[in-house]
Amino acid sequence: MALDKPEIDFIDGPAPVELVITDLVVGDGAEAVPGATVLVHYLGVDFESGEQFDASWDRGEPIEFPLRGLIQGWQDGIPSMKVGGRRQLVIPPRLAYGESGGHRLAGKTLVFVIDLLAVRG
C-alpha cells in the first residue's frame, strides 16, 4: 500500500554533522542491501529553509535507480530499510553534494523522506 506524499516538519536546532536515520514506518518486505537497485518515492527539502527542492510525488511516479549511483547519504541510509517502509534521512553536505562547488545543493544539509516500494538485486 503506497503512502501519501509526506510533509516534513521543520527541525529545530543546528544541522547535524553526521547522517541521521529515522524510521517513520517500518516495512515488512524485502530488505535493501548496499548496491541494490531500489524503487522509491521521495521528498527532499533544505534543512535550513524547509523549502522543497525535489519530490517524485510531484511527477506522479516513483523512480528506480541503483544505490551506488546516488549521493553517499542515500547509499548509507537506505540499506537495512524494508519494502513498505518510510525513512527520513538528514544528510550533511559532505554526504550529499559536497561542502562547495557547482551543484545548486552544495553546502546544504538535506532532509529526505523516502518510501521504499521495491528492491531488485
C-alpha atoms as a PDB file:
ATOM      1  CA  MET A   1       0.000   0.000   0.000  1.00  0.00           C
ATOM      2  CA  ALA A   2       1.521   3.278  -1.081  1.00  0.00           C
ATOM      3  CA  LEU A   3       1.662   6.081   1.427  1.00  0.00           C
ATOM      4  CA  ASP A   4       0.631   9.631   0.581  1.00  0.00           C
ATOM      5  CA  LYS A   5       3.192  12.356  -0.036  1.00  0.00           C
ATOM      6  CA  PRO A   6       4.748  13.200   3.322  1.00  0.00           C
ATOM      7  CA  GLU A   7       5.169  16.542   4.972  1.00  0.00           C
ATOM      8  CA  ILE A   8       8.490  17.232   6.612  1.00  0.00           C
ATOM      9  CA  ASP A   9       8.277  19.120   9.869  1.00  0.00           C
ATOM     10  CA  PHE A  10      10.816  21.887  10.387  1.00  0.00           C
ATOM     11  CA  ILE A  11      13.693  20.589  12.518  1.00  0.00           C
ATOM     12  CA  ASP A  12      14.868  22.907  15.295  1.00  0.00           C
ATOM     13  CA  GLY A  13      18.486  23.219  16.269  1.00  0.00           C
ATOM     14  CA  PRO A  14      21.763  23.080  14.415  1.00  0.00           C
ATOM     15  CA  ALA A  15      22.218  20.903  11.356  1.00  0.00           C
ATOM     16  CA  PRO A  16      23.751  17.519  12.212  1.00  0.00           C
ATOM     17  CA  VAL A  17      27.291  16.766  11.074  1.00  0.00           C
ATOM     18  CA  GLU A  18      26.583  13.045  10.674  1.00  0.00           C
ATOM     19  CA  LEU A  19      23.853  11.185   8.807  1.00  0.00           C
ATOM     20  CA  VAL A  20      20.672  10.924  10.900  1.00  0.00           C
ATOM     21  CA  ILE A  21      18.366   7.997  10.052  1.00  0.00           C
ATOM     22  CA  THR A  22      14.817   7.841  11.434  1.00  0.00           C
ATOM     23  CA  ASP A  23      12.333   5.117  10.535  1.00  0.00           C
ATOM     24  CA  LEU A  24       8.881   6.705  10.298  1.00  0.00           C
ATOM     25  CA  VAL A  25       7.214   3.473   9.139  1.00  0.00           C
ATOM     26  CA  VAL A  26       8.970   0.122   9.400  1.00  0.00           C
ATOM     27  CA  GLY A  27       8.363  -2.016   6.341  1.00  0.00           C
ATOM     28  CA  ASP A  28       7.882  -5.769   6.324  1.00  0.00           C
ATOM     29  CA  GLY A  29       9.029  -6.596   2.791  1.00  0.00           C
ATOM     30  CA  ALA A  30      12.385  -7.317   1.205  1.00  0.00           C
ATOM     31  CA  GLU A  31      15.372  -5.542   2.726  1.00  0.00           C
ATOM     32  CA  ALA A  32      17.510  -3.118   0.738  1.00  0.00           C
ATOM     33  CA  VAL A  33      21.189  -4.035   0.698  1.00  0.00           C
ATOM     34  CA  PRO A  34      24.211  -1.960  -0.362  1.00  0.00           C
ATOM     35  CA  GLY A  35      24.417  -1.802  -4.144  1.00  0.00           C
ATOM     36  CA  ALA A  36      20.808  -2.887  -4.716  1.00  0.00           C
ATOM     37  CA  THR A  37      18.520  -1.201  -7.219  1.00  0.00           C
ATOM     38  CA  VAL A  38      15.611   0.449  -5.428  1.00  0.00           C
ATOM     39  CA  LEU A  39      12.214   1.783  -6.462  1.00  0.00           C
ATOM     40  CA  VAL A  40      11.322   4.747  -4.268  1.00  0.00           C
ATOM     41  CA  HIS A  41       9.102   7.738  -3.812  1.00  0.00           C
ATOM     42  CA  TYR A  42      10.907  10.604  -2.118  1.00  0.00           C
ATOM     43  CA  LEU A  43      10.621  14.186  -0.970  1.00  0.00           C
ATOM     44  CA  GLY A  44      13.630  16.411  -0.373  1.00  0.00           C
ATOM     45  CA  VAL A  45      13.821  19.706   1.496  1.00  0.00           C
ATOM     46  CA  ASP A  46      16.582  22.081   2.536  1.00  0.00           C
ATOM     47  CA  PHE A  47      17.264  21.624   6.287  1.00  0.00           C
ATOM     48  CA  GLU A  48      17.807  25.344   6.881  1.00  0.00           C
ATOM     49  CA  SER A  49      14.863  26.826   4.989  1.00  0.00           C
ATOM     50  CA  GLY A  50      12.463  23.878   4.872  1.00  0.00           C
ATOM     51  CA  GLU A  51      11.981  24.594   1.147  1.00  0.00           C
ATOM     52  CA  GLN A  52      11.221  21.596  -1.042  1.00  0.00           C
ATOM     53  CA  PHE A  53      13.750  21.121  -3.854  1.00  0.00           C
ATOM     54  CA  ASP A  54      12.501  17.840  -5.317  1.00  0.00           C
ATOM     55  CA  ALA A  55       9.748  15.242  -4.939  1.00  0.00           C
ATOM     56  CA  SER A  56       8.959  12.201  -7.041  1.00  0.00           C
ATOM     57  CA  TRP A  57       5.334  12.538  -5.848  1.00  0.00           C
ATOM     58  CA  ASP A  58       5.043  15.770  -7.828  1.00  0.00           C
ATOM     59  CA  ARG A  59       5.942  13.882 -11.010  1.00  0.00           C
ATOM     60  CA  GLY A  60       3.280  11.259 -10.248  1.00  0.00           C
ATOM     61  CA  GLU A  61       5.547   8.233 -10.375  1.00  0.00           C
ATOM     62  CA  PRO A  62       8.289   6.630  -8.326  1.00  0.00           C
ATOM     63  CA  ILE A  63      11.855   6.425  -9.557  1.00  0.00           C
ATOM     64  CA  GLU A  64      14.162   3.427  -9.769  1.00  0.00           C
ATOM     65  CA  PHE A  65      17.942   3.558  -9.566  1.00  0.00           C
ATOM     66  CA  PRO A  66      20.989   1.666  -8.312  1.00  0.00           C
ATOM     67  CA  LEU A  67      22.114   2.829  -4.876  1.00  0.00           C
ATOM     68  CA  ARG A  68      25.758   3.001  -5.928  1.00  0.00           C
ATOM     69  CA  GLY A  69      24.935   5.860  -8.299  1.00  0.00           C
ATOM     70  CA  LEU A  70      23.410   8.051  -5.586  1.00  0.00           C
ATOM     71  CA  ILE A  71      24.733  10.513  -3.033  1.00  0.00           C
ATOM     72  CA  GLN A  72      26.571   8.894  -0.129  1.00  0.00           C
ATOM     73  CA  GLY A  73      23.791   9.727   2.337  1.00  0.00           C
ATOM     74  CA  TRP A  74      21.374   7.559   0.322  1.00  0.00           C
ATOM     75  CA  GLN A  75      23.978   4.795  -0.113  1.00  0.00           C
ATOM     76  CA  ASP A  76      24.447   4.730   3.671  1.00  0.00           C
ATOM     77  CA  GLY A  77      20.858   5.489   4.682  1.00  0.00           C
ATOM     78  CA  ILE A  78      18.729   3.142   2.573  1.00  0.00           C
ATOM     79  CA  PRO A  79      20.343  -0.275   3.231  1.00  0.00           C
ATOM     80  CA  SER A  80      18.533  -2.148   6.046  1.00  0.00           C
ATOM     81  CA  MET A  81      15.294  -0.430   5.056  1.00  0.00           C
ATOM     82  CA  LYS A  82      12.460  -2.833   4.163  1.00  0.00           C
ATOM     83  CA  VAL A  83       9.887  -2.540   1.370  1.00  0.00           C
ATOM     84  CA  GLY A  84       6.788  -0.796   2.670  1.00  0.00           C
ATOM     85  CA  GLY A  85       8.863   1.401   4.964  1.00  0.00           C
ATOM     86  CA  ARG A  86       9.247   5.166   5.149  1.00  0.00           C
ATOM     87  CA  ARG A  87      12.535   6.594   6.374  1.00  0.00           C
ATOM     88  CA  GLN A  88      13.759  10.116   6.992  1.00  0.00           C
ATOM     89  CA  LEU A  89      17.383  10.928   6.253  1.00  0.00           C
ATOM     90  CA  VAL A  90      19.080  14.136   7.392  1.00  0.00           C
ATOM     91  CA  ILE A  91      22.213  14.357   5.268  1.00  0.00           C
ATOM     92  CA  PRO A  92      25.098  16.777   5.910  1.00  0.00           C
ATOM     93  CA  PRO A  93      26.760  18.396   2.864  1.00  0.00           C
ATOM     94  CA  ARG A  94      29.793  16.071   2.823  1.00  0.00           C
ATOM     95  CA  LEU A  95      27.447  13.089   2.327  1.00  0.00           C
ATOM     96  CA  ALA A  96      25.252  14.938  -0.192  1.00  0.00           C
ATOM     97  CA  TYR A  97      26.573  17.309  -2.860  1.00  0.00           C
ATOM     98  CA  GLY A  98      29.740  18.484  -1.116  1.00  0.00           C
ATOM     99  CA  GLU A  99      30.682  21.469   1.012  1.00  0.00           C
ATOM    100  CA  SER A 100      31.008  23.707  -2.034  1.00  0.00           C
ATOM    101  CA  GLY A 101      31.055  23.502  -5.789  1.00  0.00           C
ATOM    102  CA  GLY A 102      28.847  23.831  -8.815  1.00  0.00           C
ATOM    103  CA  HIS A 103      25.777  21.898  -7.673  1.00  0.00           C
ATOM    104  CA  ARG A 104      22.867  24.082  -6.526  1.00  0.00           C
ATOM    105  CA  LEU A 105      22.567  21.976  -3.343  1.00  0.00           C
ATOM    106  CA  ALA A 106      26.288  22.080  -2.483  1.00  0.00           C
ATOM    107  CA  GLY A 107      26.922  23.253   1.070  1.00  0.00           C
ATOM    108  CA  LYS A 108      23.386  22.396   2.181  1.00  0.00           C
ATOM    109  CA  THR A 109      22.132  19.900   4.721  1.00  0.00           C
ATOM    110  CA  LEU A 110      19.300  17.962   3.088  1.00  0.00           C
ATOM    111  CA  VAL A 111      16.286  16.205   4.562  1.00  0.00           C
ATOM    112  CA  PHE A 112      14.677  13.381   2.595  1.00  0.00           C
ATOM    113  CA  VAL A 113      11.667  11.233   3.330  1.00  0.00           C
ATOM    114  CA  ILE A 114      11.917   8.048   1.294  1.00  0.00           C
ATOM    115  CA  ASP A 115       9.311   5.344   0.769  1.00  0.00           C
ATOM    116  CA  LEU A 116      10.836   2.051  -0.338  1.00  0.00           C
ATOM    117  CA  LEU A 117       8.497   0.409  -2.850  1.00  0.00           C
ATOM    118  CA  ALA A 118      10.656  -2.394  -4.271  1.00  0.00           C
ATOM    119  CA  VAL A 119      14.190  -3.822  -4.194  1.00  0.00           C
ATOM    120  CA  ARG A 120      15.845  -5.526  -7.118  1.00  0.00           C
ATOM    121  CA  GLY A 121      19.141  -7.439  -6.981  1.00  0.00           C
END
